Each structure stands twice: as structure tokens, then as C-alpha cells.
Amino acid sequence: FMKEKDGIKVYTRRESNSSMKSFKGDVTFKASLQKVYSMLGNDKNNDWWDKAITDVKVLGFKENKYIQYYLVYNLPWPFKKRDIVTETTITTNTVSGVRIYTAIPLPNKVPEKSNLVRIKEFRQTWTVEPQEKGTIHVTLEGSVNPGGSIPAWLYNMVITEAPLKMLFSLREKSTSGK
């Protein structure tokens, strides 16, 4: 356990095969299950994502099955921008309503660009669990090796911010009237 902010708990763990830590965040809130599903599984619903993402291209989409993305991240100086190609698969337990969104790299789908560092090691899983009385429990787990010249100690120092920001944004956007 690393910290709790606004009801969102964040954990980190050092992976056995990496100097980079992985993360886990979770939160419970009241919202429409369909709205949360749409926030995570609709190829056009990405305006609430990380503000460092400067470019999003949808490469493939099949509703409730998968989404393929090409993303560009703008990092602060002196680091180069990063890009990543991912495929998110969507699975739903029809009995419990638990829906899992699992994103992994999709190699060779988009050629690498010389002015960007390609993120090749990445995994991210969103688990959405409906609970009683309109309450939803959401867990975000992931790990990323940003590649290039970012030192592990710096990455590990800021890794808790990603799940906090993304879970906060998901909760705020899914509970608002918009």
C-alpha cells in the first residue's frame, strides 16, 4: 500500500524481472454500470484519459470484444516522446457482470518512428465489478517499461500518480450528468 486519496487506494510492487514497479489502484463508487462500460470500452470515449496523451488513433474496434489503439505520450524535457500500439480485449462474465479490459502491446502493427521511443513492455487491466445498490468496484492494474533513458528510480517515484488520475477521472466522468 502506497497511499489513499479521495477514496482511491494505490499499491505498488517491484516485479521480479524488472527494476520498474507495477501498480494497482482501486475505488468503489455509485454509477451506471453501462456508463462505466462505455467509458472503458467505447473507441470514441478517450477524452478523460491521461493528459500526457497527445495523439490517439483507433486502429481497430469490435464492440464489447476489442479495441486497438496507437497512442503518443508527451513527456517533460529532457525525455523524448513515447508511442505505443495496444490491443485491449474485453471479456464479460455474463453471470456476475464483471467485465475485464486487458491491454497489451500490439507489435508490428505500426512502424516505429525515429523521433519517438516505442513502449514495448506494457500491460494494463481494468476490472469492473458490479456490487449492490448501484455501487461499482473498479480496479486498475498495470506495468510499463517506458524505454529509453528514464531511470527506474524516477519512474518508480511517479508511478502512483497514473492510477490515481485515471481512476479519479473515470469516477468523475461516469458520475457526472455528461
N, C-alpha and C. Protein backbone atom coordinates (compact mmCIF):
# COMPACT_ATOMS: atom_id res chain seq x y z
N PHE A 1 0.85 -1.18 0.00
CA PHE A 1 0.00 0.00 0.00
C PHE A 1 0.89 1.24 0.00
N MET A 2 0.59 2.17 -0.93
CA MET A 2 1.39 3.40 -1.02
C MET A 2 0.64 4.60 -0.48
N LYS A 3 -0.63 4.76 -0.91
CA LYS A 3 -1.37 5.92 -0.44
C LYS A 3 -2.85 5.78 -0.79
N GLU A 4 -3.64 6.65 -0.14
CA GLU A 4 -5.06 6.76 -0.45
C GLU A 4 -5.37 8.24 -0.61
N LYS A 5 -6.12 8.55 -1.67
CA LYS A 5 -6.52 9.92 -1.92
C LYS A 5 -7.91 9.90 -2.54
N ASP A 6 -8.82 10.68 -1.98
CA ASP A 6 -10.20 10.76 -2.49
C ASP A 6 -10.86 9.39 -2.61
N GLY A 7 -10.58 8.49 -1.67
CA GLY A 7 -11.19 7.17 -1.69
C GLY A 7 -10.55 6.18 -2.64
N ILE A 8 -9.48 6.59 -3.31
CA ILE A 8 -8.76 5.72 -4.24
C ILE A 8 -7.50 5.21 -3.55
N LYS A 9 -7.36 3.90 -3.48
CA LYS A 9 -6.18 3.29 -2.87
C LYS A 9 -5.21 2.87 -3.96
N VAL A 10 -3.92 3.11 -3.71
CA VAL A 10 -2.88 2.79 -4.68
C VAL A 10 -1.81 1.93 -4.02
N TYR A 11 -1.42 0.91 -4.75
CA TYR A 11 -0.40 -0.04 -4.31
C TYR A 11 0.67 -0.13 -5.40
N THR A 12 1.89 -0.45 -5.00
CA THR A 12 2.94 -0.74 -5.98
C THR A 12 3.64 -2.03 -5.58
N ARG A 13 4.34 -2.59 -6.55
CA ARG A 13 5.08 -3.83 -6.29
C ARG A 13 6.24 -3.87 -7.27
N ARG A 14 7.38 -4.27 -6.77
CA ARG A 14 8.53 -4.45 -7.65
C ARG A 14 8.40 -5.83 -8.31
N GLU A 15 8.45 -5.83 -9.62
CA GLU A 15 8.35 -7.07 -10.37
C GLU A 15 9.70 -7.80 -10.34
N SER A 16 9.66 -9.11 -10.32
CA SER A 16 10.89 -9.90 -10.17
C SER A 16 11.83 -9.75 -11.36
N ASN A 17 11.31 -9.46 -12.54
CA ASN A 17 12.16 -9.39 -13.73
C ASN A 17 12.40 -7.96 -14.21
N SER A 18 12.17 -6.96 -13.34
CA SER A 18 12.30 -5.57 -13.78
C SER A 18 12.66 -4.67 -12.61
N SER A 19 13.33 -3.57 -12.92
CA SER A 19 13.60 -2.57 -11.88
C SER A 19 12.44 -1.58 -11.77
N MET A 20 11.48 -1.67 -12.70
CA MET A 20 10.30 -0.80 -12.69
C MET A 20 9.20 -1.46 -11.85
N LYS A 21 8.50 -0.65 -11.08
CA LYS A 21 7.40 -1.16 -10.26
C LYS A 21 6.11 -1.25 -11.08
N SER A 22 5.26 -2.18 -10.68
CA SER A 22 3.91 -2.24 -11.24
C SER A 22 2.99 -1.53 -10.25
N PHE A 23 1.76 -1.26 -10.68
CA PHE A 23 0.84 -0.52 -9.83
C PHE A 23 -0.53 -1.18 -9.80
N LYS A 24 -1.27 -0.83 -8.78
CA LYS A 24 -2.66 -1.25 -8.66
C LYS A 24 -3.40 -0.13 -7.94
N GLY A 25 -4.56 0.22 -8.45
CA GLY A 25 -5.41 1.20 -7.79
C GLY A 25 -6.82 0.66 -7.76
N ASP A 26 -7.55 0.99 -6.72
CA ASP A 26 -8.96 0.59 -6.71
C ASP A 26 -9.82 1.62 -6.01
N VAL A 27 -11.10 1.61 -6.42
CA VAL A 27 -12.07 2.56 -5.90
C VAL A 27 -13.46 1.95 -6.04
N THR A 28 -14.35 2.33 -5.14
CA THR A 28 -15.75 1.93 -5.20
C THR A 28 -16.60 3.19 -5.23
N PHE A 29 -17.59 3.22 -6.11
CA PHE A 29 -18.45 4.40 -6.23
C PHE A 29 -19.78 3.99 -6.85
N LYS A 30 -20.77 4.90 -6.74
CA LYS A 30 -22.08 4.68 -7.35
C LYS A 30 -22.08 5.29 -8.74
N ALA A 31 -22.49 4.49 -9.72
CA ALA A 31 -22.58 4.96 -11.10
C ALA A 31 -23.35 3.94 -11.91
N SER A 32 -23.74 4.35 -13.10
CA SER A 32 -24.38 3.42 -14.03
C SER A 32 -23.31 2.46 -14.55
N LEU A 33 -23.57 1.18 -14.42
CA LEU A 33 -22.64 0.17 -14.92
C LEU A 33 -22.42 0.34 -16.42
N GLN A 34 -23.49 0.61 -17.15
CA GLN A 34 -23.36 0.79 -18.60
C GLN A 34 -22.50 2.00 -18.95
N LYS A 35 -22.59 3.05 -18.15
CA LYS A 35 -21.77 4.24 -18.41
C LYS A 35 -20.29 3.92 -18.20
N VAL A 36 -19.98 3.18 -17.14
CA VAL A 36 -18.59 2.79 -16.88
C VAL A 36 -18.09 1.87 -17.99
N TYR A 37 -18.91 0.90 -18.38
CA TYR A 37 -18.54 0.02 -19.50
C TYR A 37 -18.25 0.86 -20.75
N SER A 38 -19.08 1.85 -21.01
CA SER A 38 -18.90 2.69 -22.19
C SER A 38 -17.65 3.56 -22.09
N MET A 39 -17.35 4.03 -20.90
CA MET A 39 -16.14 4.84 -20.71
C MET A 39 -14.89 4.04 -21.06
N LEU A 40 -14.90 2.77 -20.70
CA LEU A 40 -13.70 1.94 -20.91
C LEU A 40 -13.71 1.21 -22.25
N GLY A 41 -14.88 0.93 -22.79
CA GLY A 41 -14.94 0.06 -23.96
C GLY A 41 -15.45 0.69 -25.23
N ASN A 42 -15.61 2.02 -25.24
CA ASN A 42 -16.07 2.69 -26.44
C ASN A 42 -14.86 3.37 -27.08
N ASP A 43 -14.63 3.09 -28.34
CA ASP A 43 -13.43 3.60 -29.02
C ASP A 43 -13.38 5.12 -29.14
N LYS A 44 -14.50 5.79 -28.91
CA LYS A 44 -14.52 7.25 -29.01
C LYS A 44 -14.51 7.94 -27.65
N ASN A 45 -14.52 7.18 -26.59
CA ASN A 45 -14.61 7.73 -25.23
C ASN A 45 -13.22 7.80 -24.59
N ASN A 46 -12.35 8.66 -25.09
CA ASN A 46 -10.99 8.71 -24.54
C ASN A 46 -10.58 10.11 -24.10
N ASP A 47 -11.53 11.03 -24.02
CA ASP A 47 -11.19 12.40 -23.64
C ASP A 47 -10.84 12.55 -22.16
N TRP A 48 -11.07 11.54 -21.35
CA TRP A 48 -10.79 11.59 -19.93
C TRP A 48 -9.45 10.92 -19.58
N TRP A 49 -8.78 10.40 -20.56
CA TRP A 49 -7.53 9.70 -20.32
C TRP A 49 -6.44 10.66 -19.86
N ASP A 50 -5.28 10.11 -19.66
CA ASP A 50 -4.08 10.84 -19.24
C ASP A 50 -3.85 12.06 -20.14
N LYS A 51 -3.64 13.21 -19.51
CA LYS A 51 -3.43 14.46 -20.25
C LYS A 51 -2.11 14.46 -21.04
N ALA A 52 -1.19 13.56 -20.70
CA ALA A 52 0.07 13.47 -21.43
C ALA A 52 -0.10 12.82 -22.80
N ILE A 53 -1.24 12.19 -23.04
CA ILE A 53 -1.50 11.58 -24.34
C ILE A 53 -1.87 12.70 -25.32
N THR A 54 -1.05 12.87 -26.35
CA THR A 54 -1.27 13.96 -27.30
C THR A 54 -1.87 13.49 -28.61
N ASP A 55 -1.88 12.19 -28.84
CA ASP A 55 -2.43 11.66 -30.09
C ASP A 55 -3.03 10.29 -29.83
N VAL A 56 -4.26 10.08 -30.28
CA VAL A 56 -4.95 8.79 -30.15
C VAL A 56 -5.51 8.43 -31.52
N LYS A 57 -5.13 7.26 -32.01
CA LYS A 57 -5.71 6.76 -33.26
C LYS A 57 -6.29 5.37 -32.98
N VAL A 58 -7.53 5.16 -33.38
CA VAL A 58 -8.15 3.85 -33.25
C VAL A 58 -7.79 3.06 -34.51
N LEU A 59 -7.14 1.92 -34.32
CA LEU A 59 -6.70 1.10 -35.45
C LEU A 59 -7.67 -0.03 -35.74
N GLY A 60 -8.45 -0.41 -34.74
CA GLY A 60 -9.43 -1.48 -34.91
C GLY A 60 -10.39 -1.48 -33.74
N PHE A 61 -11.64 -1.89 -34.00
CA PHE A 61 -12.65 -1.87 -32.95
C PHE A 61 -13.75 -2.87 -33.28
N LYS A 62 -14.10 -3.66 -32.29
CA LYS A 62 -15.29 -4.51 -32.36
C LYS A 62 -15.96 -4.40 -31.01
N GLU A 63 -17.16 -3.84 -31.00
CA GLU A 63 -17.86 -3.54 -29.75
C GLU A 63 -17.90 -4.75 -28.81
N ASN A 64 -17.53 -4.48 -27.55
CA ASN A 64 -17.50 -5.48 -26.48
C ASN A 64 -16.54 -6.64 -26.73
N LYS A 65 -15.62 -6.47 -27.69
CA LYS A 65 -14.64 -7.52 -27.99
C LYS A 65 -13.21 -7.01 -27.87
N TYR A 66 -12.87 -5.95 -28.65
CA TYR A 66 -11.51 -5.43 -28.60
C TYR A 66 -11.45 -4.01 -29.16
N ILE A 67 -10.37 -3.31 -28.78
CA ILE A 67 -10.04 -2.01 -29.36
C ILE A 67 -8.52 -1.98 -29.55
N GLN A 68 -8.09 -1.53 -30.71
CA GLN A 68 -6.66 -1.37 -30.99
C GLN A 68 -6.38 0.12 -31.11
N TYR A 69 -5.34 0.56 -30.39
CA TYR A 69 -5.00 1.99 -30.35
C TYR A 69 -3.54 2.21 -30.71
N TYR A 70 -3.29 3.40 -31.28
CA TYR A 70 -1.94 3.94 -31.38
C TYR A 70 -1.96 5.23 -30.56
N LEU A 71 -1.06 5.34 -29.58
CA LEU A 71 -1.02 6.48 -28.66
C LEU A 71 0.35 7.12 -28.66
N VAL A 72 0.38 8.45 -28.53
CA VAL A 72 1.63 9.19 -28.37
C VAL A 72 1.56 9.93 -27.05
N TYR A 73 2.61 9.78 -26.24
CA TYR A 73 2.73 10.45 -24.94
C TYR A 73 3.77 11.55 -25.02
N ASN A 74 3.42 12.72 -24.54
CA ASN A 74 4.35 13.83 -24.45
C ASN A 74 4.95 13.83 -23.04
N LEU A 75 6.25 13.67 -22.94
CA LEU A 75 6.92 13.66 -21.65
C LEU A 75 7.66 14.97 -21.45
N PRO A 76 7.86 15.36 -20.19
CA PRO A 76 8.59 16.61 -19.94
C PRO A 76 10.05 16.50 -20.37
N TRP A 77 10.60 17.66 -20.71
CA TRP A 77 12.01 17.72 -21.06
C TRP A 77 12.83 17.20 -19.89
N PRO A 78 13.85 16.43 -20.08
CA PRO A 78 14.62 16.20 -21.30
C PRO A 78 14.27 14.89 -22.02
N PHE A 79 13.13 14.30 -21.71
CA PHE A 79 12.78 12.99 -22.25
C PHE A 79 12.06 13.09 -23.58
N LYS A 80 12.33 12.11 -24.45
CA LYS A 80 11.67 12.07 -25.76
C LYS A 80 10.23 11.58 -25.59
N LYS A 81 9.38 11.97 -26.53
CA LYS A 81 8.01 11.46 -26.57
C LYS A 81 8.04 9.94 -26.75
N ARG A 82 6.99 9.31 -26.25
CA ARG A 82 6.84 7.86 -26.38
C ARG A 82 5.62 7.57 -27.24
N ASP A 83 5.64 6.41 -27.90
CA ASP A 83 4.43 5.93 -28.54
C ASP A 83 4.24 4.46 -28.21
N ILE A 84 3.01 4.00 -28.37
CA ILE A 84 2.68 2.61 -28.07
C ILE A 84 1.50 2.19 -28.95
N VAL A 85 1.52 0.94 -29.33
CA VAL A 85 0.40 0.34 -30.05
C VAL A 85 -0.14 -0.75 -29.14
N THR A 86 -1.43 -0.68 -28.83
CA THR A 86 -2.01 -1.64 -27.89
C THR A 86 -3.28 -2.28 -28.45
N GLU A 87 -3.56 -3.43 -27.91
CA GLU A 87 -4.86 -4.06 -28.15
C GLU A 87 -5.48 -4.34 -26.79
N THR A 88 -6.69 -3.85 -26.62
CA THR A 88 -7.45 -4.09 -25.40
C THR A 88 -8.53 -5.11 -25.72
N THR A 89 -8.46 -6.26 -25.04
CA THR A 89 -9.52 -7.26 -25.20
C THR A 89 -10.50 -7.09 -24.06
N ILE A 90 -11.76 -7.31 -24.36
CA ILE A 90 -12.84 -7.11 -23.40
C ILE A 90 -13.55 -8.44 -23.18
N THR A 91 -13.61 -8.86 -21.92
CA THR A 91 -14.33 -10.09 -21.58
C THR A 91 -15.34 -9.78 -20.48
N THR A 92 -16.49 -10.43 -20.56
CA THR A 92 -17.55 -10.21 -19.58
C THR A 92 -18.05 -11.54 -19.05
N ASN A 93 -18.15 -11.63 -17.74
CA ASN A 93 -18.79 -12.78 -17.11
C ASN A 93 -20.29 -12.48 -17.11
N THR A 94 -21.05 -13.21 -17.90
CA THR A 94 -22.47 -12.92 -18.07
C THR A 94 -23.29 -13.19 -16.81
N VAL A 95 -22.76 -13.97 -15.89
CA VAL A 95 -23.48 -14.24 -14.64
C VAL A 95 -23.23 -13.13 -13.62
N SER A 96 -21.95 -12.78 -13.39
CA SER A 96 -21.61 -11.81 -12.36
C SER A 96 -21.63 -10.37 -12.87
N GLY A 97 -21.50 -10.20 -14.19
CA GLY A 97 -21.42 -8.86 -14.76
C GLY A 97 -20.02 -8.26 -14.70
N VAL A 98 -19.06 -8.99 -14.15
CA VAL A 98 -17.68 -8.49 -14.08
C VAL A 98 -17.13 -8.40 -15.50
N ARG A 99 -16.61 -7.22 -15.82
CA ARG A 99 -16.03 -7.01 -17.14
C ARG A 99 -14.56 -6.65 -16.95
N ILE A 100 -13.72 -7.28 -17.78
CA ILE A 100 -12.27 -7.07 -17.70
C ILE A 100 -11.78 -6.56 -19.06
N TYR A 101 -10.99 -5.48 -18.98
CA TYR A 101 -10.37 -4.87 -20.15
C TYR A 101 -8.87 -5.08 -20.00
N THR A 102 -8.27 -5.86 -20.88
CA THR A 102 -6.85 -6.18 -20.77
C THR A 102 -6.11 -5.63 -21.98
N ALA A 103 -5.17 -4.72 -21.73
CA ALA A 103 -4.40 -4.09 -22.80
C ALA A 103 -2.96 -4.59 -22.78
N ILE A 104 -2.47 -4.97 -23.95
CA ILE A 104 -1.09 -5.41 -24.13
C ILE A 104 -0.55 -4.80 -25.42
N PRO A 105 0.77 -4.78 -25.59
CA PRO A 105 1.33 -4.23 -26.83
C PRO A 105 0.90 -5.04 -28.05
N LEU A 106 0.77 -4.36 -29.15
CA LEU A 106 0.44 -4.98 -30.43
C LEU A 106 1.61 -4.70 -31.37
N PRO A 107 2.61 -5.59 -31.36
CA PRO A 107 3.83 -5.32 -32.13
C PRO A 107 3.57 -5.40 -33.65
N ASN A 108 4.37 -4.65 -34.37
CA ASN A 108 4.40 -4.67 -35.84
C ASN A 108 3.14 -4.15 -36.51
N LYS A 109 2.23 -3.55 -35.78
CA LYS A 109 1.01 -3.00 -36.39
C LYS A 109 1.28 -1.62 -37.00
N VAL A 110 2.14 -0.84 -36.34
CA VAL A 110 2.51 0.50 -36.81
C VAL A 110 4.04 0.57 -36.80
N PRO A 111 4.65 1.00 -37.90
CA PRO A 111 6.11 1.11 -37.91
C PRO A 111 6.60 2.10 -36.85
N GLU A 112 7.78 1.81 -36.30
CA GLU A 112 8.37 2.71 -35.32
C GLU A 112 8.84 3.99 -36.01
N LYS A 113 8.81 5.10 -35.25
CA LYS A 113 9.23 6.40 -35.77
C LYS A 113 10.52 6.82 -35.07
N SER A 114 11.45 7.37 -35.83
CA SER A 114 12.77 7.69 -35.29
C SER A 114 12.73 8.78 -34.21
N ASN A 115 11.73 9.64 -34.23
CA ASN A 115 11.67 10.72 -33.24
C ASN A 115 10.91 10.35 -31.97
N LEU A 116 10.46 9.09 -31.88
CA LEU A 116 9.71 8.61 -30.72
C LEU A 116 10.35 7.35 -30.16
N VAL A 117 10.21 7.15 -28.86
CA VAL A 117 10.65 5.90 -28.23
C VAL A 117 9.42 4.99 -28.14
N ARG A 118 9.49 3.81 -28.73
CA ARG A 118 8.37 2.88 -28.71
C ARG A 118 8.33 2.14 -27.37
N ILE A 119 7.19 2.19 -26.72
CA ILE A 119 6.96 1.40 -25.49
C ILE A 119 6.61 -0.01 -25.94
N LYS A 120 7.44 -0.97 -25.53
CA LYS A 120 7.24 -2.35 -25.97
C LYS A 120 6.81 -3.28 -24.85
N GLU A 121 7.05 -2.84 -23.60
CA GLU A 121 6.67 -3.65 -22.44
C GLU A 121 5.57 -2.92 -21.70
N PHE A 122 4.35 -3.50 -21.73
CA PHE A 122 3.20 -2.81 -21.19
C PHE A 122 2.09 -3.83 -20.92
N ARG A 123 1.40 -3.64 -19.84
CA ARG A 123 0.15 -4.37 -19.60
C ARG A 123 -0.71 -3.50 -18.69
N GLN A 124 -1.98 -3.54 -18.95
CA GLN A 124 -2.92 -2.78 -18.13
C GLN A 124 -4.23 -3.53 -18.10
N THR A 125 -4.79 -3.68 -16.92
CA THR A 125 -6.06 -4.38 -16.76
C THR A 125 -7.00 -3.55 -15.91
N TRP A 126 -8.19 -3.30 -16.46
CA TRP A 126 -9.28 -2.68 -15.72
C TRP A 126 -10.27 -3.79 -15.39
N THR A 127 -10.66 -3.90 -14.14
CA THR A 127 -11.69 -4.86 -13.73
C THR A 127 -12.84 -4.07 -13.14
N VAL A 128 -14.02 -4.25 -13.72
CA VAL A 128 -15.23 -3.55 -13.28
C VAL A 128 -16.17 -4.58 -12.67
N GLU A 129 -16.44 -4.41 -11.38
CA GLU A 129 -17.27 -5.38 -10.65
C GLU A 129 -18.53 -4.70 -10.13
N PRO A 130 -19.70 -5.06 -10.68
CA PRO A 130 -20.93 -4.52 -10.12
C PRO A 130 -21.17 -5.06 -8.72
N GLN A 131 -21.64 -4.20 -7.83
CA GLN A 131 -21.95 -4.60 -6.47
C GLN A 131 -23.39 -4.21 -6.16
N GLU A 132 -23.76 -4.26 -4.92
CA GLU A 132 -25.15 -3.98 -4.55
C GLU A 132 -25.49 -2.50 -4.66
N LYS A 133 -26.77 -2.23 -4.92
CA LYS A 133 -27.35 -0.88 -4.87
C LYS A 133 -26.64 0.13 -5.77
N GLY A 134 -26.28 -0.29 -6.99
CA GLY A 134 -25.69 0.63 -7.94
C GLY A 134 -24.24 0.99 -7.69
N THR A 135 -23.60 0.26 -6.80
CA THR A 135 -22.20 0.51 -6.50
C THR A 135 -21.32 -0.35 -7.41
N ILE A 136 -20.21 0.24 -7.82
CA ILE A 136 -19.27 -0.44 -8.71
C ILE A 136 -17.88 -0.38 -8.10
N HIS A 137 -17.18 -1.50 -8.14
CA HIS A 137 -15.79 -1.54 -7.69
C HIS A 137 -14.92 -1.64 -8.95
N VAL A 138 -13.95 -0.72 -9.08
CA VAL A 138 -13.07 -0.71 -10.25
C VAL A 138 -11.63 -0.85 -9.77
N THR A 139 -10.92 -1.77 -10.40
CA THR A 139 -9.50 -1.98 -10.12
C THR A 139 -8.73 -1.75 -11.41
N LEU A 140 -7.65 -0.99 -11.30
CA LEU A 140 -6.75 -0.74 -12.42
C LEU A 140 -5.38 -1.26 -12.01
N GLU A 141 -4.86 -2.21 -12.79
CA GLU A 141 -3.54 -2.76 -12.52
C GLU A 141 -2.69 -2.62 -13.78
N GLY A 142 -1.39 -2.41 -13.59
CA GLY A 142 -0.56 -2.32 -14.77
C GLY A 142 0.92 -2.22 -14.49
N SER A 143 1.64 -2.32 -15.57
CA SER A 143 3.08 -2.11 -15.52
C SER A 143 3.50 -1.62 -16.90
N VAL A 144 4.54 -0.82 -16.90
CA VAL A 144 5.06 -0.32 -18.16
C VAL A 144 6.56 -0.07 -18.00
N ASN A 145 7.28 -0.41 -19.03
CA ASN A 145 8.68 -0.01 -19.12
C ASN A 145 8.70 1.07 -20.17
N PRO A 146 8.90 2.34 -19.76
CA PRO A 146 8.81 3.43 -20.71
C PRO A 146 9.92 3.46 -21.75
N GLY A 147 10.93 2.62 -21.57
CA GLY A 147 12.02 2.55 -22.53
C GLY A 147 12.86 3.81 -22.52
N GLY A 148 13.87 3.82 -23.34
CA GLY A 148 14.72 5.00 -23.44
C GLY A 148 15.51 5.25 -22.18
N SER A 149 15.71 6.53 -21.87
CA SER A 149 16.65 6.92 -20.82
C SER A 149 15.99 7.31 -19.50
N ILE A 150 14.77 6.87 -19.26
CA ILE A 150 14.12 7.23 -18.00
C ILE A 150 14.64 6.29 -16.90
N PRO A 151 15.27 6.84 -15.86
CA PRO A 151 15.80 5.98 -14.81
C PRO A 151 14.67 5.35 -13.99
N ALA A 152 14.89 4.11 -13.56
CA ALA A 152 13.88 3.38 -12.79
C ALA A 152 13.48 4.13 -11.53
N TRP A 153 14.44 4.76 -10.85
CA TRP A 153 14.11 5.45 -9.60
C TRP A 153 13.13 6.59 -9.84
N LEU A 154 13.27 7.29 -10.98
CA LEU A 154 12.36 8.39 -11.29
C LEU A 154 10.98 7.85 -11.65
N TYR A 155 10.94 6.84 -12.49
CA TYR A 155 9.69 6.20 -12.87
C TYR A 155 8.95 5.69 -11.63
N ASN A 156 9.67 4.99 -10.76
CA ASN A 156 9.06 4.41 -9.56
C ASN A 156 8.53 5.48 -8.61
N MET A 157 9.13 6.67 -8.66
CA MET A 157 8.70 7.76 -7.80
C MET A 157 7.34 8.32 -8.24
N VAL A 158 7.05 8.29 -9.53
CA VAL A 158 5.81 8.90 -10.04
C VAL A 158 4.73 7.89 -10.44
N ILE A 159 5.03 6.60 -10.36
CA ILE A 159 4.09 5.58 -10.86
C ILE A 159 2.76 5.57 -10.12
N THR A 160 2.69 6.06 -8.91
CA THR A 160 1.43 6.05 -8.17
C THR A 160 0.44 7.08 -8.70
N GLU A 161 0.92 8.06 -9.45
CA GLU A 161 0.03 9.10 -9.96
C GLU A 161 -0.88 8.60 -11.08
N ALA A 162 -0.42 7.69 -11.91
CA ALA A 162 -1.22 7.21 -13.04
C ALA A 162 -2.54 6.57 -12.59
N PRO A 163 -2.52 5.59 -11.69
CA PRO A 163 -3.81 5.01 -11.29
C PRO A 163 -4.69 6.00 -10.56
N LEU A 164 -4.10 6.89 -9.76
CA LEU A 164 -4.90 7.91 -9.07
C LEU A 164 -5.65 8.78 -10.07
N LYS A 165 -4.92 9.31 -11.03
CA LYS A 165 -5.53 10.23 -12.01
C LYS A 165 -6.57 9.52 -12.87
N MET A 166 -6.26 8.32 -13.33
CA MET A 166 -7.18 7.63 -14.23
C MET A 166 -8.45 7.18 -13.50
N LEU A 167 -8.31 6.65 -12.29
CA LEU A 167 -9.50 6.23 -11.53
C LEU A 167 -10.33 7.44 -11.11
N PHE A 168 -9.67 8.52 -10.74
CA PHE A 168 -10.40 9.74 -10.39
C PHE A 168 -11.20 10.25 -11.60
N SER A 169 -10.55 10.29 -12.76
CA SER A 169 -11.22 10.75 -13.98
C SER A 169 -12.38 9.85 -14.36
N LEU A 170 -12.19 8.53 -14.28
CA LEU A 170 -13.27 7.59 -14.59
C LEU A 170 -14.46 7.82 -13.68
N ARG A 171 -14.18 7.93 -12.38
CA ARG A 171 -15.27 8.13 -11.41
C ARG A 171 -15.98 9.45 -11.67
N GLU A 172 -15.23 10.53 -11.86
CA GLU A 172 -15.84 11.85 -12.07
C GLU A 172 -16.67 11.89 -13.34
N LYS A 173 -16.14 11.37 -14.42
CA LYS A 173 -16.85 11.43 -15.69
C LYS A 173 -18.06 10.50 -15.70
N SER A 174 -17.96 9.35 -15.05
CA SER A 174 -19.08 8.40 -15.08
C SER A 174 -20.18 8.76 -14.09
N THR A 175 -19.89 9.63 -13.13
CA THR A 175 -20.92 10.02 -12.17
C THR A 175 -21.49 11.39 -12.48
N SER A 176 -20.93 12.07 -13.47
CA SER A 176 -21.46 13.39 -13.86
C SER A 176 -22.64 13.19 -14.81
N GLY A 177 -23.38 14.21 -15.03
CA GLY A 177 -24.53 14.14 -15.93
C GLY A 177 -24.17 14.15 -17.40
N LYS A 178 -22.88 14.28 -17.72
CA LYS A 178 -22.45 14.39 -19.11
C LYS A 178 -22.22 13.04 -19.74
